[in-house]
Amino acid sequence: MKKIPVWFDCDTGVDDAIALLVLRQLDELEVIGVSTVAGNVELEKTTENTLRVLDLCKAPYPVYRGASRPMVRDQITAAAVHGEDGLGGIVLPPASRGVEAAAAWDALYQAARAYAGELVLVAVGPLTNVGLTLTKYKDFPGLLKRVVIMGGAAVGGNTSPAAEFNIFADPEAAAMLFDAGVQVAMCGLDMTMKAYLTAEELDALGDTGTRQARFARACLQRALAYELSLKLPGISLHDPSAVMYAVDDSMFKTHPAWVRVETKGKITYGKTVTDLYSDKKKEPRDHLVVVDVDREAFKARLFELFDRYRA
């Protein structure tokens, strides 16, 4: 089986950490590189978290430090959900290695050139690194096969009534991506809020007994408590669901749509505007909006992947 070459861009907080653990067990993927960006917490923390989690799952992927602040707007974080350290207060051993010398945007571009037309970019944090790559390298969009993001929503938001965190954290970079001419599959809140584990299911995952599963259960406790306080049914696994979508979309429901990002509105700043539920359709409808997931299939796949850590 020919593997899919993937570049993973992340702002490692708790669900990014689970996504990295999932990524390690997906035999269908060849991870070319991992880049870090400021988002859930500050860049130095997201970078150190990424290196430590990759040590936890014995993943040798090269890691590249990316942008420490958004392209235009003031920086925001989600420490209230992820903890000040980004990993819910769970301390992993110091990383055994450091980052590569190249900046994230340069390394990402070189990877896209090396795998021209084949590289899949999976981005689960603010899209600042992607925006900087687009700014510096005009041919970059044509070198990608497609982009899968965790971000946005066709309806609603979680950081403002209109906007999801990853897009709201750098709307200008997100706008550049949706305008770039490469297909974007948007795994937004419409789907990712349905890709959840209940408290009991998270306990069962931890009870499988591996270091990786115990870490997953522990680091998600703070975010679980936050989501339960909002009367949600469990902990939403936003980033792992986007990673799974990149490999196999059969458990997801997806629609083609026109999608752009609002960067001027006072109360709609950061909104992903789509014609999916609109009577007015706009061309080109060249992006994909992922709106649903088979939660039971998602949960079964998640447990299967974590069970591989027993080997």
C-alpha atoms as a PDB file:
ATOM      1  CA  MET A   1       0.000   0.000   0.000  1.00  0.00           C
ATOM      2  CA  LYS A   2       1.354   3.379  -0.999  1.00  0.00           C
ATOM      3  CA  LYS A   3       1.383   5.703   1.979  1.00  0.00           C
ATOM      4  CA  ILE A   4      -0.034   9.222   1.922  1.00  0.00           C
ATOM      5  CA  PRO A   5       2.682  11.840   2.544  1.00  0.00           C
ATOM      6  CA  VAL A   6       1.419  14.207   5.234  1.00  0.00           C
ATOM      7  CA  TRP A   7       2.651  17.398   6.868  1.00  0.00           C
ATOM      8  CA  PHE A   8       1.128  18.031  10.304  1.00  0.00           C
ATOM      9  CA  ASP A   9       0.827  21.605  11.598  1.00  0.00           C
ATOM     10  CA  CYS A  10      -0.270  21.939  15.234  1.00  0.00           C
ATOM     11  CA  ASP A  11      -0.482  24.109  18.354  1.00  0.00           C
ATOM     12  CA  THR A  12      -0.133  21.275  20.812  1.00  0.00           C
ATOM     13  CA  GLY A  13      -2.684  21.490  23.535  1.00  0.00           C
ATOM     14  CA  VAL A  14      -4.604  18.499  24.817  1.00  0.00           C
ATOM     15  CA  ASP A  15      -6.509  17.442  21.698  1.00  0.00           C
ATOM     16  CA  ASP A  16      -3.456  18.056  19.482  1.00  0.00           C
ATOM     17  CA  ALA A  17      -1.581  15.698  21.814  1.00  0.00           C
ATOM     18  CA  ILE A  18      -4.186  12.992  21.242  1.00  0.00           C
ATOM     19  CA  ALA A  19      -4.008  13.693  17.503  1.00  0.00           C
ATOM     20  CA  LEU A  20      -0.239  13.107  17.574  1.00  0.00           C
ATOM     21  CA  LEU A  21      -0.765   9.798  19.371  1.00  0.00           C
ATOM     22  CA  VAL A  22      -3.350   8.829  16.738  1.00  0.00           C
ATOM     23  CA  LEU A  23      -1.110   9.981  13.896  1.00  0.00           C
ATOM     24  CA  ARG A  24       1.673   7.679  15.067  1.00  0.00           C
ATOM     25  CA  GLN A  25      -0.525   4.592  14.663  1.00  0.00           C
ATOM     26  CA  LEU A  26      -1.986   5.371  11.230  1.00  0.00           C
ATOM     27  CA  ASP A  27      -0.099   3.050   8.908  1.00  0.00           C
ATOM     28  CA  GLU A  28      -1.668   4.718   5.886  1.00  0.00           C
ATOM     29  CA  LEU A  29       0.355   7.902   6.467  1.00  0.00           C
ATOM     30  CA  GLU A  30       3.981   8.866   5.996  1.00  0.00           C
ATOM     31  CA  VAL A  31       4.565  11.891   8.209  1.00  0.00           C
ATOM     32  CA  ILE A  32       7.097  14.114   6.427  1.00  0.00           C
ATOM     33  CA  GLY A  33       7.272  16.788   9.091  1.00  0.00           C
ATOM     34  CA  VAL A  34       5.537  18.442  12.027  1.00  0.00           C
ATOM     35  CA  SER A  35       5.387  22.204  12.505  1.00  0.00           C
ATOM     36  CA  THR A  36       4.328  24.125  15.583  1.00  0.00           C
ATOM     37  CA  VAL A  37       2.476  27.400  15.917  1.00  0.00           C
ATOM     38  CA  ALA A  38       1.229  29.613  18.727  1.00  0.00           C
ATOM     39  CA  GLY A  39      -2.407  28.961  19.504  1.00  0.00           C
ATOM     40  CA  ASN A  40      -3.776  26.990  22.429  1.00  0.00           C
ATOM     41  CA  VAL A  41      -0.756  28.269  24.357  1.00  0.00           C
ATOM     42  CA  GLU A  42       2.380  30.221  23.448  1.00  0.00           C
ATOM     43  CA  LEU A  43       4.802  28.920  20.812  1.00  0.00           C
ATOM     44  CA  GLU A  44       7.543  27.748  23.165  1.00  0.00           C
ATOM     45  CA  LYS A  45       4.977  25.659  25.037  1.00  0.00           C
ATOM     46  CA  THR A  46       3.321  24.220  21.924  1.00  0.00           C
ATOM     47  CA  THR A  47       6.749  23.319  20.566  1.00  0.00           C
ATOM     48  CA  GLU A  48       7.989  21.662  23.766  1.00  0.00           C
ATOM     49  CA  ASN A  49       4.650  19.863  24.157  1.00  0.00           C
ATOM     50  CA  THR A  50       4.932  18.519  20.614  1.00  0.00           C
ATOM     51  CA  LEU A  51       8.439  17.194  21.188  1.00  0.00           C
ATOM     52  CA  ARG A  52       7.466  15.583  24.491  1.00  0.00           C
ATOM     53  CA  VAL A  53       4.367  13.873  23.087  1.00  0.00           C
ATOM     54  CA  LEU A  54       6.368  12.571  20.126  1.00  0.00           C
ATOM     55  CA  ASP A  55       8.817  11.096  22.637  1.00  0.00           C
ATOM     56  CA  LEU A  56       5.876   9.472  24.435  1.00  0.00           C
ATOM     57  CA  CYS A  57       4.807   7.681  21.263  1.00  0.00           C
ATOM     58  CA  LYS A  58       8.365   7.114  19.977  1.00  0.00           C
ATOM     59  CA  ALA A  59       7.727   9.063  16.790  1.00  0.00           C
ATOM     60  CA  PRO A  60      10.885  10.274  15.009  1.00  0.00           C
ATOM     61  CA  TYR A  61       9.176  12.992  12.966  1.00  0.00           C
ATOM     62  CA  PRO A  62      11.256  16.140  12.418  1.00  0.00           C
ATOM     63  CA  VAL A  63       9.753  19.154  14.194  1.00  0.00           C
ATOM     64  CA  TYR A  64       9.970  22.733  12.934  1.00  0.00           C
ATOM     65  CA  ARG A  65       9.233  25.833  15.002  1.00  0.00           C
ATOM     66  CA  GLY A  66       6.720  28.157  13.404  1.00  0.00           C
ATOM     67  CA  ALA A  67       5.058  31.496  14.075  1.00  0.00           C
ATOM     68  CA  SER A  68       4.947  32.952  17.580  1.00  0.00           C
ATOM     69  CA  ARG A  69       2.058  35.345  16.882  1.00  0.00           C
ATOM     70  CA  PRO A  70      -0.748  35.852  14.350  1.00  0.00           C
ATOM     71  CA  MET A  71      -0.141  37.643  11.071  1.00  0.00           C
ATOM     72  CA  VAL A  72      -2.229  40.717  11.960  1.00  0.00           C
ATOM     73  CA  ARG A  73      -4.370  40.451  15.068  1.00  0.00           C
ATOM     74  CA  ASP A  74      -3.348  40.368  18.719  1.00  0.00           C
ATOM     75  CA  GLN A  75      -2.532  36.946  20.096  1.00  0.00           C
ATOM     76  CA  ILE A  76      -5.123  34.928  22.002  1.00  0.00           C
ATOM     77  CA  THR A  77      -4.755  31.554  23.711  1.00  0.00           C
ATOM     78  CA  ALA A  78      -7.044  28.861  25.102  1.00  0.00           C
ATOM     79  CA  ALA A  79      -5.201  28.216  28.361  1.00  0.00           C
ATOM     80  CA  ALA A  80      -8.502  28.200  30.242  1.00  0.00           C
ATOM     81  CA  VAL A  81      -9.340  24.939  28.468  1.00  0.00           C
ATOM     82  CA  HIS A  82      -5.888  23.406  27.928  1.00  0.00           C
ATOM     83  CA  GLY A  83      -4.150  24.639  31.075  1.00  0.00           C
ATOM     84  CA  GLU A  84      -1.301  27.117  31.304  1.00  0.00           C
ATOM     85  CA  ASP A  85       1.127  24.437  30.079  1.00  0.00           C
ATOM     86  CA  GLY A  86      -1.198  23.284  27.287  1.00  0.00           C
ATOM     87  CA  LEU A  87      -1.304  19.668  28.481  1.00  0.00           C
ATOM     88  CA  GLY A  88      -3.878  19.981  31.228  1.00  0.00           C
ATOM     89  CA  GLY A  89      -1.216  20.133  33.922  1.00  0.00           C
ATOM     90  CA  ILE A  90       0.197  16.686  33.072  1.00  0.00           C
ATOM     91  CA  VAL A  91       3.991  16.874  33.079  1.00  0.00           C
ATOM     92  CA  LEU A  92       5.854  14.700  30.600  1.00  0.00           C
ATOM     93  CA  PRO A  93       9.637  14.159  30.763  1.00  0.00           C
ATOM     94  CA  PRO A  94      11.747  16.815  29.010  1.00  0.00           C
ATOM     95  CA  ALA A  95      12.117  16.268  25.286  1.00  0.00           C
ATOM     96  CA  SER A  96      15.044  14.154  24.180  1.00  0.00           C
ATOM     97  CA  ARG A  97      15.707  16.373  21.149  1.00  0.00           C
ATOM     98  CA  GLY A  98      15.162  19.824  19.786  1.00  0.00           C
ATOM     99  CA  VAL A  99      13.664  21.337  16.675  1.00  0.00           C
ATOM    100  CA  GLU A 100      15.197  21.413  13.217  1.00  0.00           C
ATOM    101  CA  ALA A 101      17.068  24.502  12.050  1.00  0.00           C
ATOM    102  CA  ALA A 102      14.686  25.537   9.269  1.00  0.00           C
ATOM    103  CA  ALA A 103      11.640  27.699   9.906  1.00  0.00           C
ATOM    104  CA  ALA A 104       8.307  25.909   9.595  1.00  0.00           C
ATOM    105  CA  TRP A 105       7.198  27.776   6.457  1.00  0.00           C
ATOM    106  CA  ASP A 106      10.449  27.064   4.622  1.00  0.00           C
ATOM    107  CA  ALA A 107      10.440  23.382   5.569  1.00  0.00           C
ATOM    108  CA  LEU A 108       6.777  23.013   4.621  1.00  0.00           C
ATOM    109  CA  TYR A 109       7.425  24.530   1.210  1.00  0.00           C
ATOM    110  CA  GLN A 110      10.428  22.289   0.579  1.00  0.00           C
ATOM    111  CA  ALA A 111       8.354  19.257   1.492  1.00  0.00           C
ATOM    112  CA  ALA A 112       5.607  20.365  -0.886  1.00  0.00           C
ATOM    113  CA  ARG A 113       8.181  20.696  -3.662  1.00  0.00           C
ATOM    114  CA  ALA A 114       9.679  17.280  -2.921  1.00  0.00           C
ATOM    115  CA  TYR A 115       6.231  15.628  -3.031  1.00  0.00           C
ATOM    116  CA  ALA A 116       4.782  17.868  -5.729  1.00  0.00           C
ATOM    117  CA  GLY A 117       1.083  17.191  -6.134  1.00  0.00           C
ATOM    118  CA  GLU A 118       1.039  14.456  -3.477  1.00  0.00           C
ATOM    119  CA  LEU A 119       1.530  16.154  -0.110  1.00  0.00           C
ATOM    120  CA  VAL A 120      -1.515  16.464   2.151  1.00  0.00           C
ATOM    121  CA  LEU A 121      -1.320  19.296   4.664  1.00  0.00           C
ATOM    122  CA  VAL A 122      -3.215  18.620   7.900  1.00  0.00           C
ATOM    123  CA  ALA A 123      -3.426  21.772  10.033  1.00  0.00           C
ATOM    124  CA  VAL A 124      -5.153  21.664  13.412  1.00  0.00           C
ATOM    125  CA  GLY A 125      -4.196  25.024  14.913  1.00  0.00           C
ATOM    126  CA  PRO A 126      -4.280  28.662  13.811  1.00  0.00           C
ATOM    127  CA  LEU A 127      -3.210  28.873  10.178  1.00  0.00           C
ATOM    128  CA  THR A 128      -0.366  31.357  10.630  1.00  0.00           C
ATOM    129  CA  ASN A 129       2.357  29.047   9.330  1.00  0.00           C
ATOM    130  CA  VAL A 130       0.257  28.325   6.266  1.00  0.00           C
ATOM    131  CA  GLY A 131      -0.359  32.028   5.674  1.00  0.00           C
ATOM    132  CA  LEU A 132       3.352  32.780   5.910  1.00  0.00           C
ATOM    133  CA  THR A 133       4.144  29.977   3.462  1.00  0.00           C
ATOM    134  CA  LEU A 134       1.551  31.344   1.029  1.00  0.00           C
ATOM    135  CA  THR A 135       3.024  34.832   1.387  1.00  0.00           C
ATOM    136  CA  LYS A 136       6.606  33.759   0.735  1.00  0.00           C
ATOM    137  CA  TYR A 137       6.060  31.085  -1.920  1.00  0.00           C
ATOM    138  CA  LYS A 138       3.497  31.942  -4.576  1.00  0.00           C
ATOM    139  CA  ASP A 139       3.583  28.488  -6.178  1.00  0.00           C
ATOM    140  CA  PHE A 140       2.895  26.696  -2.893  1.00  0.00           C
ATOM    141  CA  PRO A 141      -0.847  26.024  -3.422  1.00  0.00           C
ATOM    142  CA  GLY A 142      -0.221  24.233  -6.698  1.00  0.00           C
ATOM    143  CA  LEU A 143       2.222  21.859  -5.040  1.00  0.00           C
ATOM    144  CA  LEU A 144      -0.302  20.469  -2.528  1.00  0.00           C
ATOM    145  CA  LYS A 145      -2.739  17.641  -3.118  1.00  0.00           C
ATOM    146  CA  ARG A 146      -5.195  19.029  -0.591  1.00  0.00           C
ATOM    147  CA  VAL A 147      -5.493  20.621   2.846  1.00  0.00           C
ATOM    148  CA  VAL A 148      -7.442  19.264   5.810  1.00  0.00           C
ATOM    149  CA  ILE A 149      -7.996  21.665   8.689  1.00  0.00           C
ATOM    150  CA  MET A 150      -9.578  21.511  12.095  1.00  0.00           C
ATOM    151  CA  GLY A 151     -11.222  24.888  12.244  1.00  0.00           C
ATOM    152  CA  GLY A 152     -14.261  26.936  11.454  1.00  0.00           C
ATOM    153  CA  ALA A 153     -17.918  25.995  11.363  1.00  0.00           C
ATOM    154  CA  ALA A 154     -20.769  26.324   8.936  1.00  0.00           C
ATOM    155  CA  VAL A 155     -22.943  27.313  11.898  1.00  0.00           C
ATOM    156  CA  GLY A 156     -21.932  29.027  15.129  1.00  0.00           C
ATOM    157  CA  GLY A 157     -18.670  29.326  17.010  1.00  0.00           C
ATOM    158  CA  ASN A 158     -16.943  28.592  20.293  1.00  0.00           C
ATOM    159  CA  THR A 159     -14.785  31.702  20.783  1.00  0.00           C
ATOM    160  CA  SER A 160     -17.387  34.184  19.591  1.00  0.00           C
ATOM    161  CA  PRO A 161     -20.969  33.471  18.528  1.00  0.00           C
ATOM    162  CA  ALA A 162     -19.698  33.569  14.961  1.00  0.00           C
ATOM    163  CA  ALA A 163     -16.185  32.112  15.087  1.00  0.00           C
ATOM    164  CA  GLU A 164     -14.282  28.975  16.054  1.00  0.00           C
ATOM    165  CA  PHE A 165     -10.993  29.374  17.954  1.00  0.00           C
ATOM    166  CA  ASN A 166      -8.451  28.316  15.317  1.00  0.00           C
ATOM    167  CA  ILE A 167      -9.897  30.676  12.707  1.00  0.00           C
ATOM    168  CA  PHE A 168     -10.540  33.494  15.184  1.00  0.00           C
ATOM    169  CA  ALA A 169      -6.913  33.250  16.349  1.00  0.00           C
ATOM    170  CA  ASP A 170      -5.672  34.261  12.873  1.00  0.00           C
ATOM    171  CA  PRO A 171      -8.514  35.060  10.452  1.00  0.00           C
ATOM    172  CA  GLU A 172      -6.230  36.767   7.945  1.00  0.00           C
ATOM    173  CA  ALA A 173      -4.107  33.633   7.517  1.00  0.00           C
ATOM    174  CA  ALA A 174      -7.233  31.484   7.204  1.00  0.00           C
ATOM    175  CA  ALA A 175      -8.650  33.844   4.577  1.00  0.00           C
ATOM    176  CA  MET A 176      -5.466  33.466   2.537  1.00  0.00           C
ATOM    177  CA  LEU A 177      -5.788  29.686   2.572  1.00  0.00           C
ATOM    178  CA  PHE A 178      -9.424  29.586   1.484  1.00  0.00           C
ATOM    179  CA  ASP A 179      -8.578  32.031  -1.321  1.00  0.00           C
ATOM    180  CA  ALA A 180      -5.431  30.185  -2.439  1.00  0.00           C
ATOM    181  CA  GLY A 181      -6.923  27.833  -5.022  1.00  0.00           C
ATOM    182  CA  VAL A 182      -6.211  24.533  -3.241  1.00  0.00           C
ATOM    183  CA  GLN A 183      -9.087  22.418  -1.938  1.00  0.00           C
ATOM    184  CA  VAL A 184      -9.641  22.710   1.811  1.00  0.00           C
ATOM    185  CA  ALA A 185     -11.609  20.123   3.766  1.00  0.00           C
ATOM    186  CA  MET A 186     -12.980  22.019   6.758  1.00  0.00           C
ATOM    187  CA  CYS A 187     -13.418  19.775   9.788  1.00  0.00           C
ATOM    188  CA  GLY A 188     -15.184  22.363  11.849  1.00  0.00           C
ATOM    189  CA  LEU A 189     -17.374  22.398  14.941  1.00  0.00           C
ATOM    190  CA  ASP A 190     -20.332  21.057  12.930  1.00  0.00           C
ATOM    191  CA  MET A 191     -18.547  17.696  12.950  1.00  0.00           C
ATOM    192  CA  THR A 192     -15.920  17.779  15.683  1.00  0.00           C
ATOM    193  CA  MET A 193     -18.409  18.504  18.486  1.00  0.00           C
ATOM    194  CA  LYS A 194     -19.982  15.137  17.573  1.00  0.00           C
ATOM    195  CA  ALA A 195     -16.634  13.304  17.783  1.00  0.00           C
ATOM    196  CA  TYR A 196     -16.624  13.053  21.554  1.00  0.00           C
ATOM    197  CA  LEU A 197     -16.008  10.600  24.367  1.00  0.00           C
ATOM    198  CA  THR A 198     -18.172  10.577  27.465  1.00  0.00           C
ATOM    199  CA  ALA A 199     -16.422  10.639  30.834  1.00  0.00           C
ATOM    200  CA  GLU A 200     -17.024   6.897  31.144  1.00  0.00           C
ATOM    201  CA  GLU A 201     -15.615   6.209  27.681  1.00  0.00           C
ATOM    202  CA  LEU A 202     -12.532   8.290  28.425  1.00  0.00           C
ATOM    203  CA  ASP A 203     -12.024   6.272  31.605  1.00  0.00           C
ATOM    204  CA  ALA A 204     -12.314   3.078  29.568  1.00  0.00           C
ATOM    205  CA  LEU A 205      -9.660   4.354  27.172  1.00  0.00           C
ATOM    206  CA  GLY A 206      -7.308   5.018  30.072  1.00  0.00           C
ATOM    207  CA  ASP A 207      -8.056   1.588  31.505  1.00  0.00           C
ATOM    208  CA  THR A 208      -6.513  -0.055  28.443  1.00  0.00           C
ATOM    209  CA  GLY A 209      -3.352   0.443  30.453  1.00  0.00           C
ATOM    210  CA  THR A 210      -0.652   1.779  28.166  1.00  0.00           C
ATOM    211  CA  ARG A 211       1.348   4.895  29.042  1.00  0.00           C
ATOM    212  CA  GLN A 212      -0.150   6.640  26.036  1.00  0.00           C
ATOM    213  CA  ALA A 213      -3.747   5.818  26.998  1.00  0.00           C
ATOM    214  CA  ARG A 214      -3.211   6.815  30.636  1.00  0.00           C
ATOM    215  CA  PHE A 215      -1.706  10.100  29.485  1.00  0.00           C
ATOM    216  CA  ALA A 216      -4.644  10.724  27.144  1.00  0.00           C
ATOM    217  CA  ARG A 217      -7.137  10.214  29.970  1.00  0.00           C
ATOM    218  CA  ALA A 218      -5.185  12.412  32.374  1.00  0.00           C
ATOM    219  CA  CYS A 219      -4.453  15.332  30.091  1.00  0.00           C
ATOM    220  CA  LEU A 220      -8.075  15.543  28.897  1.00  0.00           C
ATOM    221  CA  GLN A 221      -9.594  15.843  32.385  1.00  0.00           C
ATOM    222  CA  ARG A 222      -9.447  19.639  32.557  1.00  0.00           C
ATOM    223  CA  ALA A 223     -11.005  20.061  29.104  1.00  0.00           C
ATOM    224  CA  LEU A 224     -13.606  17.415  29.932  1.00  0.00           C
ATOM    225  CA  ALA A 225     -14.643  19.316  33.053  1.00  0.00           C
ATOM    226  CA  TYR A 226     -14.912  22.507  31.009  1.00  0.00           C
ATOM    227  CA  GLU A 227     -17.118  20.878  28.371  1.00  0.00           C
ATOM    228  CA  LEU A 228     -19.315  19.189  30.960  1.00  0.00           C
ATOM    229  CA  SER A 229     -19.797  22.602  32.599  1.00  0.00           C
ATOM    230  CA  LEU A 230     -21.308  23.723  29.289  1.00  0.00           C
ATOM    231  CA  LYS A 231     -23.766  20.788  29.439  1.00  0.00           C
ATOM    232  CA  LEU A 232     -21.997  19.015  26.582  1.00  0.00           C
ATOM    233  CA  PRO A 233     -22.063  15.204  26.591  1.00  0.00           C
ATOM    234  CA  GLY A 234     -18.294  14.675  26.850  1.00  0.00           C
ATOM    235  CA  ILE A 235     -14.879  15.747  25.619  1.00  0.00           C
ATOM    236  CA  SER A 236     -14.801  16.751  21.954  1.00  0.00           C
ATOM    237  CA  LEU A 237     -11.803  15.298  20.134  1.00  0.00           C
ATOM    238  CA  HIS A 238     -11.544  18.030  17.537  1.00  0.00           C
ATOM    239  CA  ASP A 239      -8.032  17.414  16.204  1.00  0.00           C
ATOM    240  CA  PRO A 240      -8.027  13.591  16.239  1.00  0.00           C
ATOM    241  CA  SER A 241     -11.218  13.570  14.166  1.00  0.00           C
ATOM    242  CA  ALA A 242      -9.577  15.792  11.531  1.00  0.00           C
ATOM    243  CA  VAL A 243      -6.580  13.445  11.392  1.00  0.00           C
ATOM    244  CA  MET A 244      -8.862  10.461  10.932  1.00  0.00           C
ATOM    245  CA  TYR A 245     -10.757  12.270   8.187  1.00  0.00           C
ATOM    246  CA  ALA A 246      -7.502  12.797   6.283  1.00  0.00           C
ATOM    247  CA  VAL A 247      -7.015   9.029   6.148  1.00  0.00           C
ATOM    248  CA  ASP A 248     -10.555   7.707   5.680  1.00  0.00           C
ATOM    249  CA  ASP A 249     -13.585   9.876   5.054  1.00  0.00           C
ATOM    250  CA  SER A 250     -16.012   6.938   5.002  1.00  0.00           C
ATOM    251  CA  MET A 251     -17.253   7.579   8.554  1.00  0.00           C
ATOM    252  CA  PHE A 252     -17.886  11.263   7.848  1.00  0.00           C
ATOM    253  CA  LYS A 253     -20.544  13.261   6.003  1.00  0.00           C
ATOM    254  CA  THR A 254     -19.108  15.921   3.694  1.00  0.00           C
ATOM    255  CA  HIS A 255     -20.551  18.513   1.313  1.00  0.00           C
ATOM    256  CA  PRO A 256     -18.899  20.684  -1.356  1.00  0.00           C
ATOM    257  CA  ALA A 257     -19.263  24.399  -0.668  1.00  0.00           C
ATOM    258  CA  TRP A 258     -17.944  27.885  -1.222  1.00  0.00           C
ATOM    259  CA  VAL A 259     -16.116  28.975   1.952  1.00  0.00           C
ATOM    260  CA  ARG A 260     -14.408  32.250   2.798  1.00  0.00           C
ATOM    261  CA  VAL A 261     -13.358  33.984   6.038  1.00  0.00           C
ATOM    262  CA  GLU A 262     -14.674  37.293   7.394  1.00  0.00           C
ATOM    263  CA  THR A 263     -11.820  39.617   8.379  1.00  0.00           C
ATOM    264  CA  LYS A 264     -13.602  43.006   8.546  1.00  0.00           C
ATOM    265  CA  GLY A 265     -16.797  42.467  10.489  1.00  0.00           C
ATOM    266  CA  LYS A 266     -17.057  43.816  14.008  1.00  0.00           C
ATOM    267  CA  ILE A 267     -19.183  40.975  15.389  1.00  0.00           C
ATOM    268  CA  THR A 268     -18.477  38.361  12.675  1.00  0.00           C
ATOM    269  CA  TYR A 269     -14.671  38.624  12.693  1.00  0.00           C
ATOM    270  CA  GLY A 270     -13.219  35.161  12.088  1.00  0.00           C
ATOM    271  CA  LYS A 271     -16.427  33.587  10.807  1.00  0.00           C
ATOM    272  CA  THR A 272     -16.121  30.946   8.086  1.00  0.00           C
ATOM    273  CA  VAL A 273     -18.839  32.065   5.684  1.00  0.00           C
ATOM    274  CA  THR A 274     -20.226  29.210   3.586  1.00  0.00           C
ATOM    275  CA  ASP A 275     -23.050  28.812   1.119  1.00  0.00           C
ATOM    276  CA  LEU A 276     -23.757  25.279   2.394  1.00  0.00           C
ATOM    277  CA  TYR A 277     -27.093  26.166   4.000  1.00  0.00           C
ATOM    278  CA  SER A 278     -27.777  29.212   1.850  1.00  0.00           C
ATOM    279  CA  ASP A 279     -30.281  29.561  -0.981  1.00  0.00           C
ATOM    280  CA  LYS A 280     -27.672  31.734  -2.653  1.00  0.00           C
ATOM    281  CA  LYS A 281     -24.872  29.534  -4.028  1.00  0.00           C
ATOM    282  CA  LYS A 282     -21.546  31.027  -4.984  1.00  0.00           C
ATOM    283  CA  GLU A 283     -18.840  29.797  -7.339  1.00  0.00           C
ATOM    284  CA  PRO A 284     -16.421  28.205  -7.143  1.00  0.00           C
ATOM    285  CA  ARG A 285     -17.786  25.621  -4.683  1.00  0.00           C
ATOM    286  CA  ASP A 286     -14.344  24.085  -4.454  1.00  0.00           C
ATOM    287  CA  HIS A 287     -13.999  23.367  -0.724  1.00  0.00           C
ATOM    288  CA  LEU A 288     -15.455  20.627   1.462  1.00  0.00           C
ATOM    289  CA  VAL A 289     -17.366  21.113   4.702  1.00  0.00           C
ATOM    290  CA  VAL A 290     -17.426  18.087   6.995  1.00  0.00           C
ATOM    291  CA  VAL A 291     -20.679  18.205   8.923  1.00  0.00           C
ATOM    292  CA  ASP A 292     -21.129  14.848  10.636  1.00  0.00           C
ATOM    293  CA  VAL A 293     -19.343  11.750  11.898  1.00  0.00           C
ATOM    294  CA  ASP A 294     -20.429   8.239  12.786  1.00  0.00           C
ATOM    295  CA  ARG A 295     -19.505   8.557  16.464  1.00  0.00           C
ATOM    296  CA  GLU A 296     -19.573   4.843  17.165  1.00  0.00           C
ATOM    297  CA  ALA A 297     -17.235   4.141  14.241  1.00  0.00           C
ATOM    298  CA  PHE A 298     -14.997   7.018  15.318  1.00  0.00           C
ATOM    299  CA  LYS A 299     -14.846   5.749  18.897  1.00  0.00           C
ATOM    300  CA  ALA A 300     -14.093   2.189  17.762  1.00  0.00           C
ATOM    301  CA  ARG A 301     -11.291   3.399  15.509  1.00  0.00           C
ATOM    302  CA  LEU A 302      -9.831   5.541  18.295  1.00  0.00           C
ATOM    303  CA  PHE A 303      -9.770   2.608  20.729  1.00  0.00           C
ATOM    304  CA  GLU A 304      -8.256   0.363  18.061  1.00  0.00           C
ATOM    305  CA  LEU A 305      -5.433   2.827  17.390  1.00  0.00           C
ATOM    306  CA  PHE A 306      -4.650   3.247  21.084  1.00  0.00           C
ATOM    307  CA  ASP A 307      -4.752  -0.513  21.528  1.00  0.00           C
ATOM    308  CA  ARG A 308      -1.810  -0.761  19.138  1.00  0.00           C
ATOM    309  CA  TYR A 309       0.391   0.791  21.818  1.00  0.00           C
ATOM    310  CA  ARG A 310       0.202  -2.570  23.613  1.00  0.00           C
ATOM    311  CA  ALA A 311       2.576  -4.027  21.010  1.00  0.00           C
END
